[in-house]
Structure formats: C-alpha cells, structure tokens
Amino acid sequence: MKNPYTDSDRLTLCQRARDRAVVLFKRAGEAILSPNEGDRGQPLEDERALLLDTGHLLESLVAQFHVDGARLGNPRQSFLIGRMTLAEAYDAELVRMARAGRLECLMDATDFILGSEGRAWISARDQARRSRYDLALDSNEGLAAVLEELEGMAKRPSE
C-alpha cells in the first residue's frame, strides 16, 4: 500500500496529525471493544484501517522532520525494508529534495527583499485559503510566480 502522505507538506502533516490525535484520544476514552464481550481480540476492520493510516501519517512526519541520513524517508532504507520499490523510493526522495530546495530559495529571496516582514507576507492567505508559501512549495512554476511578485516589490539601487 502506497503511503498517501508521502508528498504532503509539513503544515498538512501537522494538521492531519492533530486531527488524528483528537480521534485517537476520543476513541481511547470510549474504550471501543470488539464483539467478543470485553475481549480486545483483533481490532475491528475500521480500527485496523485507522491504525495503518496512522502509521503512514506518523512515518511521513518522521521523514519530514528527521533530516539526517538515517531518517525513515531514506530511499535506501525504504527499499530495503520493502516499503517501496527502488523507483518509488528515489522518486519520493526527489520530490522531498525539490520541495526543500524551493523552500530554501523562497526563504532566502523573501529575507533578501522584505527582511523581517517577509514571514508574514509569505504566510498571508488568499480567498482560496492558500498562501504564497503553499504556492511556492507546490511546484517550480509556483515558486517562479511568488519570486516574480517579490521582484516587483524590490527596491532597485537606482530608485
């Protein structure tokens, strides 16, 4: 089963993790039991799906936030443990590296042009609830659009 969170950004992963935590805490408080009269036994099918999905979510969070060579998202490790084919593992790594590169470019350009006001500018959301940050990290085209907007705000030496 392919991990549905592999290509998610940090904000999305954090929101999903927070939502999932609420669900898990609520279910833990309700002490849902299997039909075996108090015997925990095998989890119900929806409980199994929730456990698998939570595992995928947490695995993606670890891959995003733990960035050294031993991270769970390491393509070699993903292949060796049978989680992904070699092509899938390196494709996921390429996507992660591309997003990280776009983030680095965005932050450097924003700091250069706007200084300390840049963080608020890239975080501001439009009517569709998307920020410049979201746009820039989604694709190279999105990053180019944000950089063009930033360039329009730059004060040139001749001005």
N, C-alpha and C. Protein backbone atom coordinates (compact mmCIF):
# COMPACT_ATOMS: atom_id res chain seq x y z
N MET A 1 0.85 -1.18 0.00
CA MET A 1 0.00 0.00 0.00
C MET A 1 0.89 1.24 0.00
N LYS A 2 0.64 2.15 -0.93
CA LYS A 2 1.42 3.39 -1.01
C LYS A 2 0.99 4.34 0.11
N ASN A 3 1.95 4.98 0.70
CA ASN A 3 1.68 5.93 1.77
C ASN A 3 1.03 7.18 1.18
N PRO A 4 -0.22 7.51 1.54
CA PRO A 4 -0.91 8.67 0.97
C PRO A 4 -0.35 10.01 1.45
N TYR A 5 0.53 10.01 2.43
CA TYR A 5 1.07 11.26 2.97
C TYR A 5 2.48 11.57 2.48
N THR A 6 3.05 10.72 1.64
CA THR A 6 4.43 10.86 1.20
C THR A 6 4.75 12.25 0.65
N ASP A 7 3.87 12.81 -0.14
CA ASP A 7 4.14 14.09 -0.79
C ASP A 7 3.52 15.28 -0.07
N SER A 8 3.03 15.09 1.13
CA SER A 8 2.39 16.18 1.87
C SER A 8 3.42 17.14 2.46
N ASP A 9 3.03 18.42 2.57
CA ASP A 9 3.92 19.39 3.20
C ASP A 9 3.76 19.33 4.72
N ARG A 10 4.65 20.01 5.41
CA ARG A 10 4.68 19.94 6.88
C ARG A 10 3.38 20.43 7.52
N LEU A 11 2.83 21.52 7.00
CA LEU A 11 1.61 22.06 7.58
C LEU A 11 0.47 21.05 7.47
N THR A 12 0.33 20.44 6.30
CA THR A 12 -0.72 19.43 6.11
C THR A 12 -0.51 18.25 7.04
N LEU A 13 0.74 17.78 7.14
CA LEU A 13 1.03 16.66 8.03
C LEU A 13 0.70 17.00 9.47
N CYS A 14 1.05 18.19 9.90
CA CYS A 14 0.77 18.60 11.28
C CYS A 14 -0.73 18.70 11.54
N GLN A 15 -1.47 19.26 10.58
CA GLN A 15 -2.92 19.36 10.74
C GLN A 15 -3.56 17.97 10.81
N ARG A 16 -3.11 17.06 9.92
CA ARG A 16 -3.65 15.70 9.93
C ARG A 16 -3.29 14.99 11.22
N ALA A 17 -2.06 15.18 11.70
CA ALA A 17 -1.63 14.54 12.94
C ALA A 17 -2.46 15.05 14.12
N ARG A 18 -2.70 16.35 14.14
CA ARG A 18 -3.50 16.94 15.22
C ARG A 18 -4.93 16.38 15.18
N ASP A 19 -5.53 16.33 13.98
CA ASP A 19 -6.87 15.77 13.83
C ASP A 19 -6.92 14.31 14.25
N ARG A 20 -5.89 13.57 13.85
CA ARG A 20 -5.84 12.15 14.18
C ARG A 20 -5.70 11.96 15.68
N ALA A 21 -4.90 12.78 16.31
CA ALA A 21 -4.73 12.67 17.76
C ALA A 21 -6.07 12.86 18.47
N VAL A 22 -6.86 13.81 18.01
CA VAL A 22 -8.18 14.04 18.61
C VAL A 22 -9.05 12.78 18.48
N VAL A 23 -9.05 12.17 17.29
CA VAL A 23 -9.83 10.96 17.06
C VAL A 23 -9.34 9.83 17.96
N LEU A 24 -8.02 9.64 18.03
CA LEU A 24 -7.48 8.55 18.84
C LEU A 24 -7.74 8.76 20.32
N PHE A 25 -7.60 9.99 20.79
CA PHE A 25 -7.87 10.25 22.20
C PHE A 25 -9.34 10.01 22.53
N LYS A 26 -10.21 10.42 21.61
CA LYS A 26 -11.64 10.20 21.83
C LYS A 26 -11.95 8.71 21.85
N ARG A 27 -11.40 7.97 20.91
CA ARG A 27 -11.66 6.52 20.85
C ARG A 27 -11.07 5.81 22.07
N ALA A 28 -9.92 6.26 22.50
CA ALA A 28 -9.32 5.65 23.68
C ALA A 28 -10.20 5.87 24.90
N GLY A 29 -10.80 7.04 24.98
CA GLY A 29 -11.70 7.35 26.10
C GLY A 29 -12.98 6.55 26.06
N GLU A 30 -13.43 6.19 24.86
CA GLU A 30 -14.66 5.41 24.72
C GLU A 30 -14.42 3.92 24.93
N ALA A 31 -13.16 3.51 24.92
CA ALA A 31 -12.79 2.10 25.11
C ALA A 31 -13.62 1.17 24.23
N ILE A 32 -13.52 1.39 22.93
CA ILE A 32 -14.27 0.57 21.97
C ILE A 32 -13.78 -0.88 22.07
N LEU A 33 -14.71 -1.79 22.21
CA LEU A 33 -14.36 -3.20 22.33
C LEU A 33 -14.86 -3.97 21.12
N SER A 34 -14.20 -5.10 20.84
CA SER A 34 -14.65 -5.98 19.77
C SER A 34 -15.90 -6.72 20.24
N PRO A 35 -16.60 -7.40 19.32
CA PRO A 35 -17.83 -8.10 19.71
C PRO A 35 -17.61 -9.25 20.69
N ASN A 36 -16.38 -9.54 21.08
CA ASN A 36 -16.10 -10.68 21.96
C ASN A 36 -16.31 -10.36 23.44
N GLU A 37 -17.26 -9.55 23.76
CA GLU A 37 -17.63 -9.26 25.14
C GLU A 37 -16.45 -8.91 26.05
N GLY A 38 -15.80 -7.84 25.77
CA GLY A 38 -14.73 -7.38 26.63
C GLY A 38 -13.36 -7.90 26.26
N ASP A 39 -13.29 -8.93 25.44
CA ASP A 39 -12.00 -9.42 24.97
C ASP A 39 -11.55 -8.53 23.83
N ARG A 40 -10.41 -7.92 23.97
CA ARG A 40 -9.94 -6.97 22.95
C ARG A 40 -9.75 -7.68 21.62
N GLY A 41 -9.18 -8.87 21.60
CA GLY A 41 -9.05 -9.64 20.38
C GLY A 41 -8.49 -8.85 19.22
N GLN A 42 -8.92 -9.16 18.00
CA GLN A 42 -8.49 -8.44 16.80
C GLN A 42 -9.26 -7.14 16.68
N PRO A 43 -8.57 -6.08 16.27
CA PRO A 43 -9.29 -4.82 16.08
C PRO A 43 -10.32 -4.96 14.96
N LEU A 44 -11.40 -4.23 15.08
CA LEU A 44 -12.38 -4.21 14.01
C LEU A 44 -11.73 -3.67 12.75
N GLU A 45 -12.32 -3.94 11.59
CA GLU A 45 -11.72 -3.56 10.32
C GLU A 45 -11.45 -2.05 10.22
N ASP A 46 -12.40 -1.23 10.68
CA ASP A 46 -12.16 0.22 10.62
C ASP A 46 -11.06 0.64 11.59
N GLU A 47 -10.93 -0.07 12.69
CA GLU A 47 -9.84 0.20 13.63
C GLU A 47 -8.50 -0.17 13.00
N ARG A 48 -8.46 -1.29 12.28
CA ARG A 48 -7.24 -1.71 11.58
C ARG A 48 -6.85 -0.66 10.54
N ALA A 49 -7.82 -0.17 9.78
CA ALA A 49 -7.55 0.85 8.76
C ALA A 49 -7.02 2.13 9.42
N LEU A 50 -7.61 2.50 10.54
CA LEU A 50 -7.15 3.68 11.26
C LEU A 50 -5.72 3.50 11.75
N LEU A 51 -5.40 2.32 12.26
CA LEU A 51 -4.05 2.05 12.72
C LEU A 51 -3.05 2.13 11.57
N LEU A 52 -3.38 1.52 10.44
CA LEU A 52 -2.49 1.57 9.27
C LEU A 52 -2.30 3.00 8.79
N ASP A 53 -3.39 3.73 8.69
CA ASP A 53 -3.32 5.11 8.22
C ASP A 53 -2.51 5.96 9.18
N THR A 54 -2.68 5.76 10.47
CA THR A 54 -1.91 6.50 11.47
C THR A 54 -0.43 6.17 11.36
N GLY A 55 -0.13 4.91 11.12
CA GLY A 55 1.27 4.53 10.92
C GLY A 55 1.88 5.27 9.74
N HIS A 56 1.13 5.34 8.64
CA HIS A 56 1.63 6.07 7.48
C HIS A 56 1.82 7.55 7.79
N LEU A 57 0.86 8.12 8.49
CA LEU A 57 0.94 9.54 8.84
C LEU A 57 2.16 9.81 9.71
N LEU A 58 2.36 9.01 10.72
CA LEU A 58 3.49 9.23 11.62
C LEU A 58 4.82 8.99 10.91
N GLU A 59 4.86 8.00 10.04
CA GLU A 59 6.06 7.72 9.28
C GLU A 59 6.43 8.92 8.41
N SER A 60 5.44 9.55 7.80
CA SER A 60 5.70 10.74 6.97
C SER A 60 6.16 11.92 7.81
N LEU A 61 5.59 12.06 9.00
CA LEU A 61 6.04 13.14 9.89
C LEU A 61 7.50 12.95 10.25
N VAL A 62 7.87 11.73 10.58
CA VAL A 62 9.26 11.45 10.92
C VAL A 62 10.16 11.77 9.73
N ALA A 63 9.76 11.35 8.54
CA ALA A 63 10.57 11.58 7.35
C ALA A 63 10.74 13.07 7.08
N GLN A 64 9.73 13.87 7.36
CA GLN A 64 9.81 15.31 7.11
C GLN A 64 10.66 16.03 8.15
N PHE A 65 10.57 15.63 9.40
CA PHE A 65 11.22 16.39 10.46
C PHE A 65 12.58 15.84 10.88
N HIS A 66 12.86 14.60 10.58
CA HIS A 66 14.13 13.99 10.95
C HIS A 66 14.97 13.92 9.68
N VAL A 67 15.90 14.86 9.51
CA VAL A 67 16.52 15.06 8.21
C VAL A 67 17.93 14.50 8.04
N ASP A 68 18.45 13.74 8.97
CA ASP A 68 19.78 13.20 8.73
C ASP A 68 19.71 11.94 7.86
N GLY A 69 20.84 11.35 7.54
CA GLY A 69 20.89 10.23 6.61
C GLY A 69 20.18 8.99 7.09
N ALA A 70 19.90 8.88 8.37
CA ALA A 70 19.24 7.69 8.90
C ALA A 70 17.74 7.87 8.99
N ARG A 71 17.21 8.92 8.42
CA ARG A 71 15.78 9.18 8.54
C ARG A 71 14.97 8.04 7.92
N LEU A 72 13.74 7.89 8.36
CA LEU A 72 12.88 6.84 7.87
C LEU A 72 12.57 7.03 6.39
N GLY A 73 12.64 8.25 5.89
CA GLY A 73 12.35 8.53 4.49
C GLY A 73 13.52 8.27 3.57
N ASN A 74 14.63 7.76 4.10
CA ASN A 74 15.81 7.46 3.29
C ASN A 74 15.43 6.44 2.22
N PRO A 75 15.70 6.75 0.92
CA PRO A 75 15.27 5.84 -0.14
C PRO A 75 15.88 4.44 -0.04
N ARG A 76 17.12 4.35 0.38
CA ARG A 76 17.74 3.03 0.52
C ARG A 76 17.00 2.20 1.57
N GLN A 77 16.71 2.85 2.69
CA GLN A 77 16.02 2.16 3.78
C GLN A 77 14.62 1.77 3.34
N SER A 78 13.92 2.66 2.65
CA SER A 78 12.56 2.37 2.18
C SER A 78 12.55 1.16 1.26
N PHE A 79 13.55 1.06 0.41
CA PHE A 79 13.66 -0.08 -0.50
C PHE A 79 14.02 -1.35 0.27
N LEU A 80 15.01 -1.26 1.16
CA LEU A 80 15.48 -2.44 1.87
C LEU A 80 14.42 -3.07 2.76
N ILE A 81 13.57 -2.26 3.36
CA ILE A 81 12.53 -2.83 4.23
C ILE A 81 11.29 -3.23 3.45
N GLY A 82 11.33 -3.03 2.13
CA GLY A 82 10.22 -3.46 1.29
C GLY A 82 9.04 -2.53 1.29
N ARG A 83 9.22 -1.33 1.81
CA ARG A 83 8.13 -0.36 1.86
C ARG A 83 7.82 0.20 0.48
N MET A 84 8.84 0.31 -0.39
CA MET A 84 8.68 0.87 -1.72
C MET A 84 9.60 0.15 -2.69
N THR A 85 9.25 0.26 -3.97
CA THR A 85 10.19 -0.21 -4.99
C THR A 85 11.33 0.80 -5.03
N LEU A 86 12.42 0.45 -5.68
CA LEU A 86 13.56 1.35 -5.78
C LEU A 86 13.15 2.65 -6.48
N ALA A 87 12.39 2.52 -7.57
CA ALA A 87 11.94 3.71 -8.31
C ALA A 87 11.04 4.59 -7.45
N GLU A 88 10.12 4.00 -6.70
CA GLU A 88 9.23 4.77 -5.83
C GLU A 88 10.03 5.48 -4.73
N ALA A 89 10.99 4.77 -4.16
CA ALA A 89 11.79 5.34 -3.08
C ALA A 89 12.57 6.56 -3.54
N TYR A 90 13.22 6.45 -4.69
CA TYR A 90 14.00 7.58 -5.17
C TYR A 90 13.13 8.69 -5.76
N ASP A 91 11.97 8.35 -6.27
CA ASP A 91 11.03 9.38 -6.72
C ASP A 91 10.55 10.20 -5.52
N ALA A 92 10.22 9.51 -4.43
CA ALA A 92 9.79 10.22 -3.21
C ALA A 92 10.91 11.11 -2.68
N GLU A 93 12.15 10.63 -2.75
CA GLU A 93 13.29 11.43 -2.30
C GLU A 93 13.49 12.65 -3.19
N LEU A 94 13.31 12.48 -4.49
CA LEU A 94 13.43 13.60 -5.42
C LEU A 94 12.37 14.66 -5.12
N VAL A 95 11.15 14.23 -4.86
CA VAL A 95 10.07 15.16 -4.52
C VAL A 95 10.42 15.91 -3.24
N ARG A 96 10.91 15.18 -2.23
CA ARG A 96 11.27 15.81 -0.95
C ARG A 96 12.40 16.82 -1.14
N MET A 97 13.40 16.44 -1.91
CA MET A 97 14.54 17.33 -2.14
C MET A 97 14.13 18.57 -2.94
N ALA A 98 13.25 18.39 -3.92
CA ALA A 98 12.78 19.53 -4.71
C ALA A 98 12.01 20.51 -3.83
N ARG A 99 11.14 20.00 -2.96
CA ARG A 99 10.40 20.88 -2.04
C ARG A 99 11.36 21.61 -1.10
N ALA A 100 12.35 20.89 -0.59
CA ALA A 100 13.33 21.52 0.31
C ALA A 100 14.10 22.60 -0.42
N GLY A 101 14.47 22.37 -1.67
CA GLY A 101 15.17 23.38 -2.46
C GLY A 101 14.30 24.60 -2.72
N ARG A 102 13.03 24.37 -3.04
CA ARG A 102 12.12 25.51 -3.26
C ARG A 102 11.94 26.31 -1.98
N LEU A 103 11.85 25.62 -0.84
CA LEU A 103 11.71 26.31 0.43
C LEU A 103 12.94 27.18 0.71
N GLU A 104 14.12 26.64 0.48
CA GLU A 104 15.34 27.39 0.72
C GLU A 104 15.40 28.64 -0.16
N CYS A 105 15.06 28.48 -1.44
CA CYS A 105 15.04 29.63 -2.35
C CYS A 105 14.02 30.67 -1.91
N LEU A 106 12.83 30.21 -1.56
CA LEU A 106 11.77 31.12 -1.13
C LEU A 106 12.18 31.92 0.10
N MET A 107 12.71 31.24 1.09
CA MET A 107 13.09 31.91 2.34
C MET A 107 14.23 32.90 2.11
N ASP A 108 15.22 32.53 1.32
CA ASP A 108 16.34 33.43 1.05
C ASP A 108 15.87 34.67 0.30
N ALA A 109 15.08 34.48 -0.75
CA ALA A 109 14.59 35.62 -1.54
C ALA A 109 13.69 36.53 -0.70
N THR A 110 12.84 35.92 0.10
CA THR A 110 11.93 36.71 0.95
C THR A 110 12.71 37.51 1.98
N ASP A 111 13.68 36.89 2.61
CA ASP A 111 14.51 37.60 3.58
C ASP A 111 15.29 38.74 2.91
N PHE A 112 15.79 38.49 1.71
CA PHE A 112 16.56 39.47 0.97
C PHE A 112 15.72 40.69 0.60
N ILE A 113 14.52 40.47 0.11
CA ILE A 113 13.67 41.58 -0.37
C ILE A 113 12.88 42.23 0.75
N LEU A 114 12.31 41.46 1.66
CA LEU A 114 11.40 42.01 2.67
C LEU A 114 11.94 42.00 4.09
N GLY A 115 13.03 41.31 4.31
CA GLY A 115 13.57 41.26 5.68
C GLY A 115 12.62 40.59 6.64
N SER A 116 12.50 41.15 7.83
CA SER A 116 11.69 40.53 8.88
C SER A 116 10.20 40.51 8.56
N GLU A 117 9.75 41.33 7.64
CA GLU A 117 8.33 41.35 7.26
C GLU A 117 7.99 40.22 6.29
N GLY A 118 9.00 39.54 5.80
CA GLY A 118 8.80 38.51 4.79
C GLY A 118 7.99 37.32 5.27
N ARG A 119 8.17 36.91 6.51
CA ARG A 119 7.46 35.73 7.01
C ARG A 119 5.95 35.95 6.99
N ALA A 120 5.53 37.11 7.40
CA ALA A 120 4.08 37.41 7.37
C ALA A 120 3.57 37.47 5.94
N TRP A 121 4.37 38.03 5.03
CA TRP A 121 3.96 38.17 3.63
C TRP A 121 3.78 36.79 2.99
N ILE A 122 4.71 35.86 3.19
CA ILE A 122 4.56 34.55 2.55
C ILE A 122 3.49 33.69 3.23
N SER A 123 3.13 34.02 4.46
CA SER A 123 2.13 33.23 5.18
C SER A 123 0.70 33.72 4.96
N ALA A 124 0.53 34.95 4.47
CA ALA A 124 -0.80 35.51 4.26
C ALA A 124 -1.59 34.63 3.29
N ARG A 125 -2.86 34.40 3.59
CA ARG A 125 -3.69 33.52 2.76
C ARG A 125 -4.65 34.32 1.90
N ASP A 126 -4.90 33.79 0.69
CA ASP A 126 -5.85 34.43 -0.21
C ASP A 126 -7.26 33.88 0.06
N GLN A 127 -8.22 34.22 -0.80
CA GLN A 127 -9.60 33.78 -0.60
C GLN A 127 -9.74 32.26 -0.67
N ALA A 128 -8.85 31.61 -1.41
CA ALA A 128 -8.88 30.14 -1.51
C ALA A 128 -8.15 29.48 -0.34
N ARG A 129 -7.71 30.28 0.64
CA ARG A 129 -7.01 29.81 1.83
C ARG A 129 -5.62 29.26 1.52
N ARG A 130 -5.03 29.72 0.41
CA ARG A 130 -3.68 29.30 0.05
C ARG A 130 -2.73 30.46 0.29
N SER A 131 -1.56 30.14 0.75
CA SER A 131 -0.54 31.15 0.99
C SER A 131 0.50 31.12 -0.12
N ARG A 132 1.33 32.15 -0.18
CA ARG A 132 2.44 32.16 -1.13
C ARG A 132 3.40 31.02 -0.81
N TYR A 133 3.52 30.71 0.45
CA TYR A 133 4.33 29.57 0.90
C TYR A 133 3.84 28.28 0.25
N ASP A 134 2.52 28.03 0.32
CA ASP A 134 1.94 26.84 -0.28
C ASP A 134 2.21 26.80 -1.78
N LEU A 135 1.95 27.92 -2.43
CA LEU A 135 2.14 28.01 -3.88
C LEU A 135 3.59 27.73 -4.27
N ALA A 136 4.52 28.35 -3.57
CA ALA A 136 5.94 28.21 -3.90
C ALA A 136 6.45 26.79 -3.68
N LEU A 137 5.97 26.12 -2.65
CA LEU A 137 6.45 24.77 -2.38
C LEU A 137 5.82 23.71 -3.26
N ASP A 138 4.65 24.00 -3.81
CA ASP A 138 3.95 23.01 -4.63
C ASP A 138 4.64 22.70 -5.95
N SER A 139 5.27 23.71 -6.58
CA SER A 139 5.88 23.47 -7.89
C SER A 139 6.91 24.55 -8.22
N ASN A 140 7.74 24.26 -9.20
CA ASN A 140 8.70 25.26 -9.66
C ASN A 140 7.98 26.46 -10.25
N GLU A 141 6.87 26.22 -10.93
CA GLU A 141 6.09 27.31 -11.51
C GLU A 141 5.51 28.20 -10.41
N GLY A 142 5.04 27.57 -9.34
CA GLY A 142 4.51 28.33 -8.21
C GLY A 142 5.60 29.18 -7.57
N LEU A 143 6.79 28.61 -7.40
CA LEU A 143 7.91 29.37 -6.85
C LEU A 143 8.24 30.54 -7.76
N ALA A 144 8.26 30.32 -9.07
CA ALA A 144 8.56 31.40 -10.02
C ALA A 144 7.54 32.52 -9.91
N ALA A 145 6.27 32.18 -9.74
CA ALA A 145 5.23 33.20 -9.61
C ALA A 145 5.44 34.04 -8.35
N VAL A 146 5.77 33.39 -7.25
CA VAL A 146 6.00 34.12 -5.99
C VAL A 146 7.24 34.99 -6.12
N LEU A 147 8.30 34.47 -6.74
CA LEU A 147 9.53 35.26 -6.92
C LEU A 147 9.29 36.47 -7.83
N GLU A 148 8.44 36.32 -8.85
CA GLU A 148 8.09 37.46 -9.70
C GLU A 148 7.38 38.54 -8.90
N GLU A 149 6.46 38.11 -8.05
CA GLU A 149 5.75 39.06 -7.19
C GLU A 149 6.73 39.76 -6.25
N LEU A 150 7.64 39.02 -5.69
CA LEU A 150 8.66 39.60 -4.81
C LEU A 150 9.53 40.60 -5.56
N GLU A 151 9.91 40.24 -6.78
CA GLU A 151 10.76 41.14 -7.57
C GLU A 151 10.07 42.48 -7.81
N GLY A 152 8.78 42.45 -7.99
CA GLY A 152 8.02 43.69 -8.16
C GLY A 152 8.05 44.58 -6.93
N MET A 153 8.36 44.01 -5.79
CA MET A 153 8.41 44.75 -4.53
C MET A 153 9.82 45.23 -4.21
N ALA A 154 10.81 44.78 -4.98
CA ALA A 154 12.22 45.09 -4.69
C ALA A 154 12.51 46.54 -4.97
N LYS A 155 13.32 47.13 -4.12
CA LYS A 155 13.81 48.49 -4.32
C LYS A 155 15.16 48.37 -5.01
N ARG A 156 15.22 48.86 -6.24
CA ARG A 156 16.45 48.81 -7.02
C ARG A 156 17.39 49.93 -6.57
N PRO A 157 18.70 49.76 -6.76
CA PRO A 157 19.66 50.81 -6.37
C PRO A 157 19.39 52.14 -7.05
N SER A 158 18.83 52.12 -8.27
CA SER A 158 18.58 53.36 -8.99
C SER A 158 17.31 54.08 -8.52
N GLU A 159 16.55 53.46 -7.65
CA GLU A 159 15.29 54.07 -7.20
C GLU A 159 15.49 54.93 -5.99
